[in-house]
Amino acid sequence: AGELRRLMQEFASKRGFAAVVCNYAKDDDGFKALSLTPATEDQGPLCEAIEARVAGAPGNLPAELLGNDLYKAQAILEHGFGLALKAELAPFRAFAMRAAISRKTLLPRATMAAVEASSL
């Protein structure tokens, strides 16, 4: 997992990205996944902010997302994104995520966090 983190950081750095955020397809156990890798340790707070925003739902959702039909349909308003840390992959930061979650609901939450964290 350490090698995977290094490769993701290299990928981000070569392209000028602050971080790489991946949304993975459903696995054999019925869960999707999310991973967050900062390009450098200095970008760690950006990934921490994204993680906190996504993990904090539904309690920290802004009004515009509370009224979003997809958030209702995917039960994010009741259950959040359902992140569960995959500790066995450390230092790679990856999470199992409820299968109902789509990029159309994950990306607005993650990008809101990125915009807010950019002032760090």
C-alpha atoms as a PDB file:
ATOM      1  CA  ALA A   1       0.000   0.000   0.000  1.00  0.00           C
ATOM      2  CA  GLY A   2       2.943   2.304   0.603  1.00  0.00           C
ATOM      3  CA  GLU A   3       4.061   1.793  -2.984  1.00  0.00           C
ATOM      4  CA  LEU A   4       0.563   2.607  -4.252  1.00  0.00           C
ATOM      5  CA  ARG A   5       0.573   5.836  -2.235  1.00  0.00           C
ATOM      6  CA  ARG A   6       3.985   6.735  -3.666  1.00  0.00           C
ATOM      7  CA  LEU A   7       2.764   6.085  -7.230  1.00  0.00           C
ATOM      8  CA  MET A   8      -0.350   8.209  -6.668  1.00  0.00           C
ATOM      9  CA  GLN A   9       1.770  11.037  -5.256  1.00  0.00           C
ATOM     10  CA  GLU A  10       4.112  10.814  -8.225  1.00  0.00           C
ATOM     11  CA  PHE A  11       1.122  10.881 -10.605  1.00  0.00           C
ATOM     12  CA  ALA A  12      -0.275  13.980  -8.853  1.00  0.00           C
ATOM     13  CA  SER A  13       3.060  15.793  -8.782  1.00  0.00           C
ATOM     14  CA  LYS A  14       3.856  15.164 -12.456  1.00  0.00           C
ATOM     15  CA  ARG A  15       0.502  16.637 -13.458  1.00  0.00           C
ATOM     16  CA  GLY A  16       0.545  19.559 -11.061  1.00  0.00           C
ATOM     17  CA  PHE A  17      -2.365  18.239  -8.978  1.00  0.00           C
ATOM     18  CA  ALA A  18      -2.643  18.992  -5.268  1.00  0.00           C
ATOM     19  CA  ALA A  19      -4.177  15.564  -4.663  1.00  0.00           C
ATOM     20  CA  VAL A  20      -5.662  12.508  -6.322  1.00  0.00           C
ATOM     21  CA  VAL A  21      -9.195  11.584  -5.262  1.00  0.00           C
ATOM     22  CA  CYS A  22     -10.465   8.286  -6.642  1.00  0.00           C
ATOM     23  CA  ASN A  23     -14.013   6.961  -6.670  1.00  0.00           C
ATOM     24  CA  TYR A  24     -13.997   3.184  -7.269  1.00  0.00           C
ATOM     25  CA  ALA A  25     -16.668   0.869  -8.693  1.00  0.00           C
ATOM     26  CA  LYS A  26     -18.557  -1.590  -6.516  1.00  0.00           C
ATOM     27  CA  ASP A  27     -16.515  -4.563  -5.287  1.00  0.00           C
ATOM     28  CA  ASP A  28     -17.522  -8.198  -4.715  1.00  0.00           C
ATOM     29  CA  ASP A  29     -18.761  -7.300  -1.224  1.00  0.00           C
ATOM     30  CA  GLY A  30     -21.151  -4.693  -2.639  1.00  0.00           C
ATOM     31  CA  PHE A  31     -19.236  -1.586  -1.570  1.00  0.00           C
ATOM     32  CA  LYS A  32     -17.763   1.222  -3.602  1.00  0.00           C
ATOM     33  CA  ALA A  33     -14.566   2.901  -2.425  1.00  0.00           C
ATOM     34  CA  LEU A  34     -12.907   6.281  -2.103  1.00  0.00           C
ATOM     35  CA  SER A  35      -9.203   7.068  -1.789  1.00  0.00           C
ATOM     36  CA  LEU A  36      -7.479  10.361  -1.029  1.00  0.00           C
ATOM     37  CA  THR A  37      -3.795  10.939  -1.749  1.00  0.00           C
ATOM     38  CA  PRO A  38      -2.071  14.310  -1.363  1.00  0.00           C
ATOM     39  CA  ALA A  39       0.665  15.112  -3.879  1.00  0.00           C
ATOM     40  CA  THR A  40       2.942  16.069  -0.968  1.00  0.00           C
ATOM     41  CA  GLU A  41       2.634  16.068   2.792  1.00  0.00           C
ATOM     42  CA  ASP A  42       1.997  19.833   2.559  1.00  0.00           C
ATOM     43  CA  GLN A  43      -1.258  18.990   0.729  1.00  0.00           C
ATOM     44  CA  GLY A  44      -2.340  16.612   3.507  1.00  0.00           C
ATOM     45  CA  PRO A  45      -4.758  19.179   5.006  1.00  0.00           C
ATOM     46  CA  LEU A  46      -6.631  19.304   1.688  1.00  0.00           C
ATOM     47  CA  CYS A  47      -7.276  15.546   1.785  1.00  0.00           C
ATOM     48  CA  GLU A  48      -8.159  15.749   5.488  1.00  0.00           C
ATOM     49  CA  ALA A  49     -10.727  18.454   4.690  1.00  0.00           C
ATOM     50  CA  ILE A  50     -12.260  16.347   1.916  1.00  0.00           C
ATOM     51  CA  GLU A  51     -12.404  13.320   4.214  1.00  0.00           C
ATOM     52  CA  ALA A  52     -14.020  15.339   7.016  1.00  0.00           C
ATOM     53  CA  ARG A  53     -16.641  16.795   4.667  1.00  0.00           C
ATOM     54  CA  VAL A  54     -17.607  13.472   3.132  1.00  0.00           C
ATOM     55  CA  ALA A  55     -17.467  11.531   6.429  1.00  0.00           C
ATOM     56  CA  GLY A  56     -19.446  14.241   8.258  1.00  0.00           C
ATOM     57  CA  ALA A  57     -22.539  13.919   6.091  1.00  0.00           C
ATOM     58  CA  PRO A  58     -25.398  14.226   6.607  1.00  0.00           C
ATOM     59  CA  GLY A  59     -24.720  16.401   9.663  1.00  0.00           C
ATOM     60  CA  ASN A  60     -22.576  18.937   7.842  1.00  0.00           C
ATOM     61  CA  LEU A  61     -24.458  19.205   4.536  1.00  0.00           C
ATOM     62  CA  PRO A  62     -25.229  22.733   3.350  1.00  0.00           C
ATOM     63  CA  ALA A  63     -28.798  23.717   2.495  1.00  0.00           C
ATOM     64  CA  GLU A  64     -28.327  23.329  -1.264  1.00  0.00           C
ATOM     65  CA  LEU A  65     -27.394  19.666  -0.838  1.00  0.00           C
ATOM     66  CA  LEU A  66     -30.060  18.979   1.800  1.00  0.00           C
ATOM     67  CA  GLY A  67     -32.645  19.783  -0.845  1.00  0.00           C
ATOM     68  CA  ASN A  68     -30.943  17.797  -3.608  1.00  0.00           C
ATOM     69  CA  ASP A  69     -33.118  14.997  -5.038  1.00  0.00           C
ATOM     70  CA  LEU A  70     -30.143  12.688  -5.634  1.00  0.00           C
ATOM     71  CA  TYR A  71     -29.022  13.065  -2.030  1.00  0.00           C
ATOM     72  CA  LYS A  72     -32.539  12.027  -1.017  1.00  0.00           C
ATOM     73  CA  ALA A  73     -32.693   9.113  -3.477  1.00  0.00           C
ATOM     74  CA  GLN A  74     -29.299   7.775  -2.368  1.00  0.00           C
ATOM     75  CA  ALA A  75     -30.310   8.081   1.320  1.00  0.00           C
ATOM     76  CA  ILE A  76     -27.375  10.368   2.061  1.00  0.00           C
ATOM     77  CA  LEU A  77     -29.711  12.531   4.140  1.00  0.00           C
ATOM     78  CA  GLU A  78     -30.262   9.556   6.472  1.00  0.00           C
ATOM     79  CA  HIS A  79     -27.049   7.518   6.236  1.00  0.00           C
ATOM     80  CA  GLY A  80     -24.384   9.832   4.840  1.00  0.00           C
ATOM     81  CA  PHE A  81     -21.801   8.351   2.493  1.00  0.00           C
ATOM     82  CA  GLY A  82     -21.071   5.470   4.849  1.00  0.00           C
ATOM     83  CA  LEU A  83     -17.293   5.752   4.792  1.00  0.00           C
ATOM     84  CA  ALA A  84     -15.384   2.982   6.555  1.00  0.00           C
ATOM     85  CA  LEU A  85     -11.604   3.318   6.733  1.00  0.00           C
ATOM     86  CA  LYS A  86      -9.659   0.448   5.169  1.00  0.00           C
ATOM     87  CA  ALA A  87      -6.899   0.544   7.813  1.00  0.00           C
ATOM     88  CA  GLU A  88      -5.152  -2.481   6.323  1.00  0.00           C
ATOM     89  CA  LEU A  89      -4.186  -0.299   3.332  1.00  0.00           C
ATOM     90  CA  ALA A  90      -2.279   2.308   5.396  1.00  0.00           C
ATOM     91  CA  PRO A  91      -0.465   4.510   4.630  1.00  0.00           C
ATOM     92  CA  PHE A  92      -2.737   4.618   1.556  1.00  0.00           C
ATOM     93  CA  ARG A  93      -5.901   6.416   2.718  1.00  0.00           C
ATOM     94  CA  ALA A  94      -8.871   4.428   1.394  1.00  0.00           C
ATOM     95  CA  PHE A  95     -12.447   3.900   2.505  1.00  0.00           C
ATOM     96  CA  ALA A  96     -15.280   1.524   1.723  1.00  0.00           C
ATOM     97  CA  MET A  97     -18.384   3.503   0.787  1.00  0.00           C
ATOM     98  CA  ARG A  98     -22.085   2.692   0.431  1.00  0.00           C
ATOM     99  CA  ALA A  99     -22.865   1.254  -3.005  1.00  0.00           C
ATOM    100  CA  ALA A 100     -25.699   3.735  -3.638  1.00  0.00           C
ATOM    101  CA  ILE A 101     -23.264   6.654  -3.753  1.00  0.00           C
ATOM    102  CA  SER A 102     -22.577   8.052  -7.213  1.00  0.00           C
ATOM    103  CA  ARG A 103     -20.045  10.499  -8.575  1.00  0.00           C
ATOM    104  CA  LYS A 104     -22.923  12.957  -8.951  1.00  0.00           C
ATOM    105  CA  THR A 105     -23.316  13.092  -5.176  1.00  0.00           C
ATOM    106  CA  LEU A 106     -19.707  12.476  -4.107  1.00  0.00           C
ATOM    107  CA  LEU A 107     -18.074  15.102  -6.305  1.00  0.00           C
ATOM    108  CA  PRO A 108     -20.098  18.114  -5.110  1.00  0.00           C
ATOM    109  CA  ARG A 109     -19.277  17.256  -1.502  1.00  0.00           C
ATOM    110  CA  ALA A 110     -15.596  16.600  -2.185  1.00  0.00           C
ATOM    111  CA  THR A 111     -15.108  19.693  -4.332  1.00  0.00           C
ATOM    112  CA  MET A 112     -16.823  21.923  -1.766  1.00  0.00           C
ATOM    113  CA  ALA A 113     -14.247  20.707   0.737  1.00  0.00           C
ATOM    114  CA  ALA A 114     -11.415  21.324  -1.718  1.00  0.00           C
ATOM    115  CA  VAL A 115     -12.504  24.906  -2.328  1.00  0.00           C
ATOM    116  CA  GLU A 116     -12.833  25.584   1.386  1.00  0.00           C
ATOM    117  CA  ALA A 117      -9.481  23.913   2.154  1.00  0.00           C
ATOM    118  CA  SER A 118      -7.643  25.852  -0.557  1.00  0.00           C
ATOM    119  CA  SER A 119      -7.322  28.730   1.873  1.00  0.00           C
ATOM    120  CA  LEU A 120      -5.257  26.535   4.276  1.00  0.00           C
END
